[in-house]
Amino acid sequence: MVEIKRIKYLDTLKAFAIMGIVFLHCFTLWNPILVHGINMFKLNQIARLGVPIFVMVSGALLLGRDEDIKLFFKKRFVRVCYPLLFFIPFTYILNIEPNPLMAYWFCWMIIGAYLAIPFISKIINHSSIVEIEYFLIIFLFAIIFYQIMQTIDYKFALDLNFFITPVSYLIFGYYLSKKEFALSPSKIIIISTIVFIISTLIKMKLGNFWDVYPKINMYSALDFSIFQVLQASSFFLIVRYIYSDGENIFTNIKKLLEKEIINKIILSISRSSYGIYLVHMLFVMGIYRPFAKTAQLTGSQMFVYCVFAFFFAFIASWIITLILSRIPYINKISGYG
């Protein structure tokens, strides 16, 4: 099987996504963190797009490929499962959660989504952009509908749960990677930036995503609020069109990102992202959070502690993943890909 060709903007999205996830987990060590009367916990709303972006990038990379189902499970599915199975025992050793298996809820969610990819990919291959848009329109309508019903505390029997699953984010990511918009890259970046800022501010105002989470029958903590979808999709488009051919308003940023050293760092973080996710949870849940709950720290001290936790957990997890990836046999469970 031919190796997936690296797509720079998707690698950049993955790098931002994993940094966002580590930031999020470190800044939820203790709630609220008040610094001069400001609730710093709301900062993590900026970073909550990490998991949706990961799922969307998976959709952009894996959907629409004409790949044998056996090869898919042999080459791709096991890349998620083997590292997870290796790290689960550490959650028991460190007593991270009452139910240690839930410490890696993201992994179980993505495994469930991966199970659907061979089938969904066949549908995507035989669907036009308009037909994909039909599905996504219902997806967006459904999350808005359930959010309104929850807000007004009104029960209604319309069941659209089929359209609100992690697979919806997969399809959305694929669509945003393929859709050619009738606007210039600069205009798309400007519009997407405005949408990103507005949706992020609304999320910061509303607080935790559970406050706007549709009441659907799912164990996943994946955020399906309309504000999260807008935030993640707008960020996806910003990064995609920064890397577009020709001039755009962020051409200088593109040149910076494409400098050899920065490009290598982005690629390394992207390829290490799954391993970073697995390793950093051991630092955050096994060490940082127990200390944060018992330490008598002021808001400012807790803020500094969370900043330190973020940088150390991210860099240490990155280094550990790279080391594991270079050890024969062990590299299969490193999460490096």
C-alpha atoms as a PDB file:
ATOM      1  CA  MET A   1       0.000   0.000   0.000  1.00  0.00           C
ATOM      2  CA  VAL A   2       1.274   3.443  -0.894  1.00  0.00           C
ATOM      3  CA  GLU A   3       1.988   5.710   2.077  1.00  0.00           C
ATOM      4  CA  ILE A   4      -0.365   8.651   2.486  1.00  0.00           C
ATOM      5  CA  LYS A   5       1.168  11.738   0.871  1.00  0.00           C
ATOM      6  CA  ARG A   6       1.831  14.429   3.450  1.00  0.00           C
ATOM      7  CA  ILE A   7      -0.517  17.387   3.111  1.00  0.00           C
ATOM      8  CA  LYS A   8       1.003  20.388   4.851  1.00  0.00           C
ATOM      9  CA  TYR A   9      -2.152  22.075   6.055  1.00  0.00           C
ATOM     10  CA  LEU A  10      -3.497  18.826   7.523  1.00  0.00           C
ATOM     11  CA  ASP A  11      -0.217  18.290   9.400  1.00  0.00           C
ATOM     12  CA  THR A  12      -0.468  21.860  10.705  1.00  0.00           C
ATOM     13  CA  LEU A  13      -4.052  21.261  11.831  1.00  0.00           C
ATOM     14  CA  LYS A  14      -3.000  18.114  13.705  1.00  0.00           C
ATOM     15  CA  ALA A  15      -0.130  19.979  15.367  1.00  0.00           C
ATOM     16  CA  PHE A  16      -2.449  22.772  16.540  1.00  0.00           C
ATOM     17  CA  ALA A  17      -5.050  20.213  17.624  1.00  0.00           C
ATOM     18  CA  ILE A  18      -2.732  18.249  19.916  1.00  0.00           C
ATOM     19  CA  MET A  19      -1.329  21.438  21.434  1.00  0.00           C
ATOM     20  CA  GLY A  20      -4.895  22.558  22.061  1.00  0.00           C
ATOM     21  CA  ILE A  21      -5.802  19.286  23.764  1.00  0.00           C
ATOM     22  CA  VAL A  22      -2.774  19.377  26.079  1.00  0.00           C
ATOM     23  CA  PHE A  23      -3.487  23.052  26.859  1.00  0.00           C
ATOM     24  CA  LEU A  24      -7.119  22.220  27.591  1.00  0.00           C
ATOM     25  CA  HIS A  25      -6.304  19.378  29.964  1.00  0.00           C
ATOM     26  CA  CYS A  26      -3.688  21.425  31.822  1.00  0.00           C
ATOM     27  CA  PHE A  27      -5.995  24.411  32.250  1.00  0.00           C
ATOM     28  CA  THR A  28      -8.778  22.239  33.649  1.00  0.00           C
ATOM     29  CA  LEU A  29      -6.589  21.001  36.506  1.00  0.00           C
ATOM     30  CA  TRP A  30      -8.720  23.076  38.857  1.00  0.00           C
ATOM     31  CA  ASN A  31     -11.848  25.100  38.210  1.00  0.00           C
ATOM     32  CA  PRO A  32     -12.097  28.038  38.377  1.00  0.00           C
ATOM     33  CA  ILE A  33      -8.635  29.584  38.115  1.00  0.00           C
ATOM     34  CA  LEU A  34      -9.191  33.226  39.030  1.00  0.00           C
ATOM     35  CA  VAL A  35      -6.420  35.697  38.215  1.00  0.00           C
ATOM     36  CA  HIS A  36      -7.279  39.243  39.279  1.00  0.00           C
ATOM     37  CA  GLY A  37     -10.977  38.371  39.075  1.00  0.00           C
ATOM     38  CA  ILE A  38     -10.727  36.875  35.570  1.00  0.00           C
ATOM     39  CA  ASN A  39     -11.805  33.251  35.152  1.00  0.00           C
ATOM     40  CA  MET A  40      -8.860  31.790  33.232  1.00  0.00           C
ATOM     41  CA  PHE A  41     -10.786  28.532  32.859  1.00  0.00           C
ATOM     42  CA  LYS A  42     -12.672  30.196  30.012  1.00  0.00           C
ATOM     43  CA  LEU A  43      -9.442  30.349  28.043  1.00  0.00           C
ATOM     44  CA  ASN A  44      -9.746  26.643  27.391  1.00  0.00           C
ATOM     45  CA  GLN A  45     -12.735  27.298  25.148  1.00  0.00           C
ATOM     46  CA  ILE A  46     -10.194  28.448  22.550  1.00  0.00           C
ATOM     47  CA  ALA A  47      -8.552  25.037  22.695  1.00  0.00           C
ATOM     48  CA  ARG A  48     -11.659  22.839  22.692  1.00  0.00           C
ATOM     49  CA  LEU A  49     -11.535  22.563  18.917  1.00  0.00           C
ATOM     50  CA  GLY A  50      -8.668  20.063  19.260  1.00  0.00           C
ATOM     51  CA  VAL A  51     -10.699  16.838  19.241  1.00  0.00           C
ATOM     52  CA  PRO A  52     -13.150  17.920  16.487  1.00  0.00           C
ATOM     53  CA  ILE A  53     -10.173  18.982  14.341  1.00  0.00           C
ATOM     54  CA  PHE A  54      -8.545  15.577  14.840  1.00  0.00           C
ATOM     55  CA  VAL A  55     -11.699  13.814  13.685  1.00  0.00           C
ATOM     56  CA  MET A  56     -12.121  16.164  10.728  1.00  0.00           C
ATOM     57  CA  VAL A  57      -8.519  15.620   9.618  1.00  0.00           C
ATOM     58  CA  SER A  58      -9.099  11.854   9.821  1.00  0.00           C
ATOM     59  CA  GLY A  59     -12.081  12.281   7.514  1.00  0.00           C
ATOM     60  CA  ALA A  60     -10.049  14.386   5.079  1.00  0.00           C
ATOM     61  CA  LEU A  61      -7.307  11.745   4.983  1.00  0.00           C
ATOM     62  CA  LEU A  62      -9.231   8.483   5.077  1.00  0.00           C
ATOM     63  CA  LEU A  63     -12.632   8.977   3.457  1.00  0.00           C
ATOM     64  CA  GLY A  64     -13.020   8.572  -0.271  1.00  0.00           C
ATOM     65  CA  ARG A  65     -10.090   6.185  -0.562  1.00  0.00           C
ATOM     66  CA  ASP A  66     -10.613   3.018  -2.569  1.00  0.00           C
ATOM     67  CA  GLU A  67      -8.973   0.733  -0.031  1.00  0.00           C
ATOM     68  CA  ASP A  68      -9.563  -2.944   0.679  1.00  0.00           C
ATOM     69  CA  ILE A  69     -11.261  -3.408   4.053  1.00  0.00           C
ATOM     70  CA  LYS A  70      -8.666  -5.952   5.223  1.00  0.00           C
ATOM     71  CA  LEU A  71      -5.829  -3.591   4.367  1.00  0.00           C
ATOM     72  CA  PHE A  72      -7.617  -0.756   6.134  1.00  0.00           C
ATOM     73  CA  PHE A  73      -7.840  -2.666   9.405  1.00  0.00           C
ATOM     74  CA  LYS A  74      -4.337  -4.095   9.073  1.00  0.00           C
ATOM     75  CA  LYS A  75      -2.590  -0.840   8.246  1.00  0.00           C
ATOM     76  CA  ARG A  76      -4.717   1.868   9.855  1.00  0.00           C
ATOM     77  CA  PHE A  77      -7.025   0.475  12.515  1.00  0.00           C
ATOM     78  CA  VAL A  78      -4.218  -1.268  14.422  1.00  0.00           C
ATOM     79  CA  ARG A  79      -2.261   1.998  14.526  1.00  0.00           C
ATOM     80  CA  VAL A  80      -4.912   3.270  16.925  1.00  0.00           C
ATOM     81  CA  CYS A  81      -5.530   0.052  18.857  1.00  0.00           C
ATOM     82  CA  TYR A  82      -2.006  -1.193  19.626  1.00  0.00           C
ATOM     83  CA  PRO A  83      -0.789   2.013  21.334  1.00  0.00           C
ATOM     84  CA  LEU A  84      -4.039   2.277  23.300  1.00  0.00           C
ATOM     85  CA  LEU A  85      -3.760  -1.297  24.575  1.00  0.00           C
ATOM     86  CA  PHE A  86      -0.171  -0.602  25.629  1.00  0.00           C
ATOM     87  CA  PHE A  87      -1.003   2.539  27.621  1.00  0.00           C
ATOM     88  CA  ILE A  88      -4.195   1.344  29.338  1.00  0.00           C
ATOM     89  CA  PRO A  89      -2.323  -0.616  32.072  1.00  0.00           C
ATOM     90  CA  PHE A  90      -0.584   2.611  33.122  1.00  0.00           C
ATOM     91  CA  THR A  91      -3.974   4.143  33.901  1.00  0.00           C
ATOM     92  CA  TYR A  92      -4.502   1.312  36.410  1.00  0.00           C
ATOM     93  CA  ILE A  93      -1.023   1.704  37.893  1.00  0.00           C
ATOM     94  CA  LEU A  94      -1.463   5.455  38.381  1.00  0.00           C
ATOM     95  CA  ASN A  95      -5.115   5.064  39.439  1.00  0.00           C
ATOM     96  CA  ILE A  96      -6.033   7.843  37.000  1.00  0.00           C
ATOM     97  CA  GLU A  97      -9.795   7.283  36.884  1.00  0.00           C
ATOM     98  CA  PRO A  98     -12.388   5.227  38.815  1.00  0.00           C
ATOM     99  CA  ASN A  99     -12.909   3.635  35.394  1.00  0.00           C
ATOM    100  CA  PRO A 100      -9.385   3.778  33.887  1.00  0.00           C
ATOM    101  CA  LEU A 101     -10.667   2.822  30.447  1.00  0.00           C
ATOM    102  CA  MET A 102     -12.469   6.178  30.254  1.00  0.00           C
ATOM    103  CA  ALA A 103      -9.203   8.109  30.664  1.00  0.00           C
ATOM    104  CA  TYR A 104      -8.761   7.617  26.929  1.00  0.00           C
ATOM    105  CA  TRP A 105     -12.338   8.276  25.851  1.00  0.00           C
ATOM    106  CA  PHE A 106     -11.073   9.970  22.677  1.00  0.00           C
ATOM    107  CA  CYS A 107      -9.389   6.738  21.560  1.00  0.00           C
ATOM    108  CA  TRP A 108     -12.566   4.699  22.001  1.00  0.00           C
ATOM    109  CA  MET A 109     -14.528   7.358  20.155  1.00  0.00           C
ATOM    110  CA  ILE A 110     -12.112   7.359  17.220  1.00  0.00           C
ATOM    111  CA  ILE A 111     -12.083   3.548  17.141  1.00  0.00           C
ATOM    112  CA  GLY A 112     -15.864   3.596  16.802  1.00  0.00           C
ATOM    113  CA  ALA A 113     -15.578   6.135  13.989  1.00  0.00           C
ATOM    114  CA  TYR A 114     -12.869   4.080  12.276  1.00  0.00           C
ATOM    115  CA  LEU A 115     -15.147   1.040  12.262  1.00  0.00           C
ATOM    116  CA  ALA A 116     -17.506   3.001  10.030  1.00  0.00           C
ATOM    117  CA  ILE A 117     -14.870   4.360   7.631  1.00  0.00           C
ATOM    118  CA  PRO A 118     -14.703   1.421   5.146  1.00  0.00           C
ATOM    119  CA  PHE A 119     -18.494   1.558   4.708  1.00  0.00           C
ATOM    120  CA  ILE A 120     -18.869   5.354   4.783  1.00  0.00           C
ATOM    121  CA  SER A 121     -15.990   5.713   2.339  1.00  0.00           C
ATOM    122  CA  LYS A 122     -17.868   3.621  -0.229  1.00  0.00           C
ATOM    123  CA  ILE A 123     -20.848   5.932   0.111  1.00  0.00           C
ATOM    124  CA  ILE A 124     -18.635   9.012  -0.236  1.00  0.00           C
ATOM    125  CA  ASN A 125     -17.048   7.569  -3.393  1.00  0.00           C
ATOM    126  CA  HIS A 126     -20.478   7.336  -5.025  1.00  0.00           C
ATOM    127  CA  SER A 127     -21.813  10.655  -3.758  1.00  0.00           C
ATOM    128  CA  SER A 128     -21.646  14.072  -5.349  1.00  0.00           C
ATOM    129  CA  ILE A 129     -20.719  17.178  -3.376  1.00  0.00           C
ATOM    130  CA  VAL A 130     -24.420  18.133  -3.396  1.00  0.00           C
ATOM    131  CA  GLU A 131     -25.382  14.791  -1.830  1.00  0.00           C
ATOM    132  CA  ILE A 132     -22.721  15.212   0.847  1.00  0.00           C
ATOM    133  CA  GLU A 133     -24.060  18.713   1.476  1.00  0.00           C
ATOM    134  CA  TYR A 134     -27.525  17.188   1.950  1.00  0.00           C
ATOM    135  CA  PHE A 135     -26.202  15.076   4.829  1.00  0.00           C
ATOM    136  CA  LEU A 136     -24.309  17.996   6.370  1.00  0.00           C
ATOM    137  CA  ILE A 137     -27.337  20.316   6.169  1.00  0.00           C
ATOM    138  CA  ILE A 138     -29.349  17.825   8.218  1.00  0.00           C
ATOM    139  CA  PHE A 139     -26.382  17.451  10.595  1.00  0.00           C
ATOM    140  CA  LEU A 140     -26.306  21.211  11.191  1.00  0.00           C
ATOM    141  CA  PHE A 141     -30.086  21.428  11.470  1.00  0.00           C
ATOM    142  CA  ALA A 142     -30.105  18.576  13.994  1.00  0.00           C
ATOM    143  CA  ILE A 143     -27.525  20.086  16.340  1.00  0.00           C
ATOM    144  CA  ILE A 144     -29.274  23.478  16.220  1.00  0.00           C
ATOM    145  CA  PHE A 145     -32.655  21.827  16.767  1.00  0.00           C
ATOM    146  CA  TYR A 146     -31.532  19.814  19.806  1.00  0.00           C
ATOM    147  CA  GLN A 147     -29.711  22.802  21.246  1.00  0.00           C
ATOM    148  CA  ILE A 148     -32.867  24.916  21.033  1.00  0.00           C
ATOM    149  CA  MET A 149     -34.974  22.131  22.560  1.00  0.00           C
ATOM    150  CA  GLN A 150     -32.523  21.852  25.432  1.00  0.00           C
ATOM    151  CA  THR A 151     -32.375  25.617  25.950  1.00  0.00           C
ATOM    152  CA  ILE A 152     -36.155  25.973  26.228  1.00  0.00           C
ATOM    153  CA  ASP A 153     -36.397  22.636  28.097  1.00  0.00           C
ATOM    154  CA  TYR A 154     -38.925  21.234  25.664  1.00  0.00           C
ATOM    155  CA  LYS A 155     -39.220  17.571  24.704  1.00  0.00           C
ATOM    156  CA  PHE A 156     -39.886  16.660  21.091  1.00  0.00           C
ATOM    157  CA  ALA A 157     -39.894  13.191  19.544  1.00  0.00           C
ATOM    158  CA  LEU A 158     -38.055  14.045  16.323  1.00  0.00           C
ATOM    159  CA  ASP A 159     -35.122  11.596  16.277  1.00  0.00           C
ATOM    160  CA  LEU A 160     -32.140  12.862  14.283  1.00  0.00           C
ATOM    161  CA  ASN A 161     -29.456  11.097  16.328  1.00  0.00           C
ATOM    162  CA  PHE A 162     -28.305   9.255  13.203  1.00  0.00           C
ATOM    163  CA  PHE A 163     -26.924  12.541  11.888  1.00  0.00           C
ATOM    164  CA  ILE A 164     -25.112  13.508  15.106  1.00  0.00           C
ATOM    165  CA  THR A 165     -22.183  11.146  15.560  1.00  0.00           C
ATOM    166  CA  PRO A 166     -18.383  11.383  15.250  1.00  0.00           C
ATOM    167  CA  VAL A 167     -18.885  10.154  11.663  1.00  0.00           C
ATOM    168  CA  SER A 168     -20.538  13.520  10.945  1.00  0.00           C
ATOM    169  CA  TYR A 169     -17.277  15.277  11.819  1.00  0.00           C
ATOM    170  CA  LEU A 170     -15.420  12.803   9.574  1.00  0.00           C
ATOM    171  CA  ILE A 171     -17.684  13.672   6.648  1.00  0.00           C
ATOM    172  CA  PHE A 172     -17.471  17.399   7.417  1.00  0.00           C
ATOM    173  CA  GLY A 173     -13.666  17.235   7.384  1.00  0.00           C
ATOM    174  CA  TYR A 174     -13.681  15.405   4.064  1.00  0.00           C
ATOM    175  CA  TYR A 175     -16.114  17.951   2.606  1.00  0.00           C
ATOM    176  CA  LEU A 176     -14.083  20.977   3.742  1.00  0.00           C
ATOM    177  CA  SER A 177     -10.934  19.438   2.256  1.00  0.00           C
ATOM    178  CA  LYS A 178     -12.564  18.887  -1.152  1.00  0.00           C
ATOM    179  CA  LYS A 179     -15.038  21.737  -1.563  1.00  0.00           C
ATOM    180  CA  GLU A 180     -13.957  24.504  -3.927  1.00  0.00           C
ATOM    181  CA  PHE A 181     -15.593  27.747  -2.831  1.00  0.00           C
ATOM    182  CA  ALA A 182     -16.438  30.570  -5.233  1.00  0.00           C
ATOM    183  CA  LEU A 183     -14.402  33.060  -3.216  1.00  0.00           C
ATOM    184  CA  SER A 184     -10.752  34.070  -3.154  1.00  0.00           C
ATOM    185  CA  PRO A 185      -8.511  32.546  -0.459  1.00  0.00           C
ATOM    186  CA  SER A 186      -8.228  35.951   1.230  1.00  0.00           C
ATOM    187  CA  LYS A 187     -12.008  36.362   1.481  1.00  0.00           C
ATOM    188  CA  ILE A 188     -12.409  32.822   2.841  1.00  0.00           C
ATOM    189  CA  ILE A 189      -9.718  33.492   5.447  1.00  0.00           C
ATOM    190  CA  ILE A 190     -11.330  36.784   6.497  1.00  0.00           C
ATOM    191  CA  ILE A 191     -14.842  35.293   6.771  1.00  0.00           C
ATOM    192  CA  SER A 192     -13.524  32.201   8.582  1.00  0.00           C
ATOM    193  CA  THR A 193     -11.518  34.346  11.008  1.00  0.00           C
ATOM    194  CA  ILE A 194     -14.619  36.390  11.872  1.00  0.00           C
ATOM    195  CA  VAL A 195     -16.660  33.201  12.398  1.00  0.00           C
ATOM    196  CA  PHE A 196     -13.870  31.712  14.517  1.00  0.00           C
ATOM    197  CA  ILE A 197     -13.634  34.771  16.770  1.00  0.00           C
ATOM    198  CA  ILE A 198     -17.409  35.101  17.228  1.00  0.00           C
ATOM    199  CA  SER A 199     -17.984  31.397  17.915  1.00  0.00           C
ATOM    200  CA  THR A 200     -15.063  31.307  20.359  1.00  0.00           C
ATOM    201  CA  LEU A 201     -16.342  34.355  22.250  1.00  0.00           C
ATOM    202  CA  ILE A 202     -19.806  32.780  22.498  1.00  0.00           C
ATOM    203  CA  LYS A 203     -18.269  29.570  23.830  1.00  0.00           C
ATOM    204  CA  MET A 204     -16.281  31.567  26.387  1.00  0.00           C
ATOM    205  CA  LYS A 205     -19.456  33.361  27.442  1.00  0.00           C
ATOM    206  CA  LEU A 206     -21.480  30.155  27.789  1.00  0.00           C
ATOM    207  CA  GLY A 207     -18.780  28.324  29.739  1.00  0.00           C
ATOM    208  CA  ASN A 208     -18.195  24.583  29.628  1.00  0.00           C
ATOM    209  CA  PHE A 209     -19.417  22.867  26.497  1.00  0.00           C
ATOM    210  CA  TRP A 210     -21.679  20.663  28.645  1.00  0.00           C
ATOM    211  CA  ASP A 211     -23.837  23.760  29.116  1.00  0.00           C
ATOM    212  CA  VAL A 212     -24.754  23.711  25.418  1.00  0.00           C
ATOM    213  CA  TYR A 213     -24.311  20.009  24.709  1.00  0.00           C
ATOM    214  CA  PRO A 214     -27.298  18.428  22.899  1.00  0.00           C
ATOM    215  CA  LYS A 215     -28.996  15.751  24.977  1.00  0.00           C
ATOM    216  CA  ILE A 216     -28.446  12.833  22.644  1.00  0.00           C
ATOM    217  CA  ASN A 217     -27.813   9.253  23.589  1.00  0.00           C
ATOM    218  CA  MET A 218     -24.019   9.152  23.436  1.00  0.00           C
ATOM    219  CA  TYR A 219     -21.194   8.335  25.841  1.00  0.00           C
ATOM    220  CA  SER A 220     -18.775  10.452  23.823  1.00  0.00           C
ATOM    221  CA  ALA A 221     -17.718  13.799  25.248  1.00  0.00           C
ATOM    222  CA  LEU A 222     -17.276  15.136  21.717  1.00  0.00           C
ATOM    223  CA  ASP A 223     -18.860  18.574  21.508  1.00  0.00           C
ATOM    224  CA  PHE A 224     -21.700  18.815  18.980  1.00  0.00           C
ATOM    225  CA  SER A 225     -22.879  22.326  19.787  1.00  0.00           C
ATOM    226  CA  ILE A 226     -23.308  24.580  16.751  1.00  0.00           C
ATOM    227  CA  PHE A 227     -20.717  26.946  18.203  1.00  0.00           C
ATOM    228  CA  GLN A 228     -18.132  24.159  18.370  1.00  0.00           C
ATOM    229  CA  VAL A 229     -18.865  23.100  14.801  1.00  0.00           C
ATOM    230  CA  LEU A 230     -18.476  26.688  13.610  1.00  0.00           C
ATOM    231  CA  GLN A 231     -15.270  27.190  15.588  1.00  0.00           C
ATOM    232  CA  ALA A 232     -13.629  23.980  14.343  1.00  0.00           C
ATOM    233  CA  SER A 233     -14.745  24.297  10.708  1.00  0.00           C
ATOM    234  CA  SER A 234     -13.695  27.953  10.450  1.00  0.00           C
ATOM    235  CA  PHE A 235     -10.267  27.145  11.869  1.00  0.00           C
ATOM    236  CA  PHE A 236      -9.971  24.238   9.413  1.00  0.00           C
ATOM    237  CA  LEU A 237     -10.638  26.623   6.511  1.00  0.00           C
ATOM    238  CA  ILE A 238      -8.246  29.289   7.812  1.00  0.00           C
ATOM    239  CA  VAL A 239      -5.344  26.837   7.880  1.00  0.00           C
ATOM    240  CA  ARG A 240      -6.316  25.205   4.574  1.00  0.00           C
ATOM    241  CA  TYR A 241      -6.374  28.514   2.703  1.00  0.00           C
ATOM    242  CA  ILE A 242      -3.252  29.916   4.335  1.00  0.00           C
ATOM    243  CA  TYR A 243      -1.483  27.106   2.469  1.00  0.00           C
ATOM    244  CA  SER A 244      -3.349  27.781  -0.779  1.00  0.00           C
ATOM    245  CA  ASP A 245      -1.439  28.593  -3.959  1.00  0.00           C
ATOM    246  CA  GLY A 246      -0.968  32.218  -4.839  1.00  0.00           C
ATOM    247  CA  GLU A 247      -1.147  35.317  -2.661  1.00  0.00           C
ATOM    248  CA  ASN A 248      -3.488  35.758   0.298  1.00  0.00           C
ATOM    249  CA  ILE A 249      -3.625  38.040   3.321  1.00  0.00           C
ATOM    250  CA  PHE A 250      -1.599  35.511   5.340  1.00  0.00           C
ATOM    251  CA  THR A 251       1.072  34.822   2.720  1.00  0.00           C
ATOM    252  CA  ASN A 252       3.800  35.896   5.143  1.00  0.00           C
ATOM    253  CA  ILE A 253       2.492  33.412   7.706  1.00  0.00           C
ATOM    254  CA  LYS A 254       2.563  30.704   5.017  1.00  0.00           C
ATOM    255  CA  LYS A 255       6.196  31.537   4.230  1.00  0.00           C
ATOM    256  CA  LEU A 256       7.028  31.304   7.925  1.00  0.00           C
ATOM    257  CA  LEU A 257       5.272  27.948   8.312  1.00  0.00           C
ATOM    258  CA  GLU A 258       7.070  26.596   5.264  1.00  0.00           C
ATOM    259  CA  LYS A 259      10.555  27.460   6.506  1.00  0.00           C
ATOM    260  CA  GLU A 260      12.502  24.220   6.693  1.00  0.00           C
ATOM    261  CA  ILE A 261      12.987  24.080  10.462  1.00  0.00           C
ATOM    262  CA  ILE A 262       9.381  25.057  11.269  1.00  0.00           C
ATOM    263  CA  ASN A 263       8.013  22.662   8.664  1.00  0.00           C
ATOM    264  CA  LYS A 264      10.062  19.837  10.217  1.00  0.00           C
ATOM    265  CA  ILE A 265       8.774  20.695  13.701  1.00  0.00           C
ATOM    266  CA  ILE A 266       5.163  20.768  12.492  1.00  0.00           C
ATOM    267  CA  LEU A 267       5.595  17.444  10.704  1.00  0.00           C
ATOM    268  CA  SER A 268       7.212  15.857  13.765  1.00  0.00           C
ATOM    269  CA  ILE A 269       4.440  17.064  16.091  1.00  0.00           C
ATOM    270  CA  SER A 270       1.786  15.936  13.607  1.00  0.00           C
ATOM    271  CA  ARG A 271       3.248  12.444  13.293  1.00  0.00           C
ATOM    272  CA  SER A 272       3.709  12.260  17.078  1.00  0.00           C
ATOM    273  CA  SER A 273       0.249  13.628  17.895  1.00  0.00           C
ATOM    274  CA  TYR A 274      -1.425  10.345  18.861  1.00  0.00           C
ATOM    275  CA  GLY A 275       1.533   9.355  21.022  1.00  0.00           C
ATOM    276  CA  ILE A 276       1.566  12.803  22.644  1.00  0.00           C
ATOM    277  CA  TYR A 277      -2.107  12.396  23.466  1.00  0.00           C
ATOM    278  CA  LEU A 278      -1.560   9.008  25.116  1.00  0.00           C
ATOM    279  CA  VAL A 279       1.540  10.016  27.085  1.00  0.00           C
ATOM    280  CA  HIS A 280       0.429  13.450  28.258  1.00  0.00           C
ATOM    281  CA  MET A 281      -2.638  11.976  29.964  1.00  0.00           C
ATOM    282  CA  LEU A 282      -0.320  10.103  32.330  1.00  0.00           C
ATOM    283  CA  PHE A 283       1.346  13.384  33.322  1.00  0.00           C
ATOM    284  CA  VAL A 284      -1.862  15.389  33.601  1.00  0.00           C
ATOM    285  CA  MET A 285      -4.133  12.842  35.285  1.00  0.00           C
ATOM    286  CA  GLY A 286      -1.505  10.911  37.238  1.00  0.00           C
ATOM    287  CA  ILE A 287       0.683  13.745  38.539  1.00  0.00           C
ATOM    288  CA  TYR A 288      -0.538  17.286  37.874  1.00  0.00           C
ATOM    289  CA  ARG A 289      -4.208  16.965  38.780  1.00  0.00           C
ATOM    290  CA  PRO A 290      -3.708  15.186  42.167  1.00  0.00           C
ATOM    291  CA  PHE A 291      -1.202  17.897  43.139  1.00  0.00           C
ATOM    292  CA  ALA A 292      -3.489  20.715  41.962  1.00  0.00           C
ATOM    293  CA  LYS A 293      -6.349  19.394  44.081  1.00  0.00           C
ATOM    294  CA  THR A 294      -4.294  19.267  47.284  1.00  0.00           C
ATOM    295  CA  ALA A 295      -1.953  22.237  46.880  1.00  0.00           C
ATOM    296  CA  GLN A 296      -2.940  25.498  48.539  1.00  0.00           C
ATOM    297  CA  LEU A 297      -2.246  27.831  45.627  1.00  0.00           C
ATOM    298  CA  THR A 298      -3.631  31.259  44.830  1.00  0.00           C
ATOM    299  CA  GLY A 299      -5.257  31.892  41.472  1.00  0.00           C
ATOM    300  CA  SER A 300      -2.096  33.478  40.067  1.00  0.00           C
ATOM    301  CA  GLN A 301       0.052  30.628  41.349  1.00  0.00           C
ATOM    302  CA  MET A 302      -2.329  28.063  39.872  1.00  0.00           C
ATOM    303  CA  PHE A 303      -2.198  29.866  36.539  1.00  0.00           C
ATOM    304  CA  VAL A 304       1.611  29.719  36.511  1.00  0.00           C
ATOM    305  CA  TYR A 305       1.427  26.071  37.531  1.00  0.00           C
ATOM    306  CA  CYS A 306      -0.906  25.276  34.616  1.00  0.00           C
ATOM    307  CA  VAL A 307       1.383  27.084  32.157  1.00  0.00           C
ATOM    308  CA  PHE A 308       4.327  25.042  33.441  1.00  0.00           C
ATOM    309  CA  ALA A 309       2.264  21.847  33.269  1.00  0.00           C
ATOM    310  CA  PHE A 310       1.342  22.558  29.647  1.00  0.00           C
ATOM    311  CA  PHE A 311       4.875  23.159  28.396  1.00  0.00           C
ATOM    312  CA  PHE A 312       6.406  20.284  30.345  1.00  0.00           C
ATOM    313  CA  ALA A 313       3.683  17.756  29.507  1.00  0.00           C
ATOM    314  CA  PHE A 314       3.708  18.664  25.827  1.00  0.00           C
ATOM    315  CA  ILE A 315       7.482  18.646  25.325  1.00  0.00           C
ATOM    316  CA  ALA A 316       8.064  15.560  27.513  1.00  0.00           C
ATOM    317  CA  SER A 317       5.284  13.621  25.750  1.00  0.00           C
ATOM    318  CA  TRP A 318       6.668  14.622  22.362  1.00  0.00           C
ATOM    319  CA  ILE A 319      10.185  13.488  23.279  1.00  0.00           C
ATOM    320  CA  ILE A 320       8.969  10.193  24.775  1.00  0.00           C
ATOM    321  CA  THR A 321       6.928   9.462  21.643  1.00  0.00           C
ATOM    322  CA  LEU A 322       9.928  10.156  19.396  1.00  0.00           C
ATOM    323  CA  ILE A 323      12.165   7.914  21.512  1.00  0.00           C
ATOM    324  CA  LEU A 324       9.641   5.054  21.488  1.00  0.00           C
ATOM    325  CA  SER A 325       9.210   5.430  17.719  1.00  0.00           C
ATOM    326  CA  ARG A 326      12.890   4.661  17.208  1.00  0.00           C
ATOM    327  CA  ILE A 327      12.953   1.436  19.201  1.00  0.00           C
ATOM    328  CA  PRO A 328      12.373  -1.714  17.116  1.00  0.00           C
ATOM    329  CA  TYR A 329       9.069  -3.475  17.879  1.00  0.00           C
ATOM    330  CA  ILE A 330       8.213  -0.846  20.513  1.00  0.00           C
ATOM    331  CA  ASN A 331       7.667   1.667  17.694  1.00  0.00           C
ATOM    332  CA  LYS A 332       4.394  -0.057  16.851  1.00  0.00           C
ATOM    333  CA  ILE A 333       2.891   1.102  20.149  1.00  0.00           C
ATOM    334  CA  SER A 334       4.499   4.554  20.184  1.00  0.00           C
ATOM    335  CA  GLY A 335       1.560   6.344  18.540  1.00  0.00           C
ATOM    336  CA  TYR A 336       3.956   7.809  15.957  1.00  0.00           C
ATOM    337  CA  GLY A 337       2.650   7.586  12.416  1.00  0.00           C
END
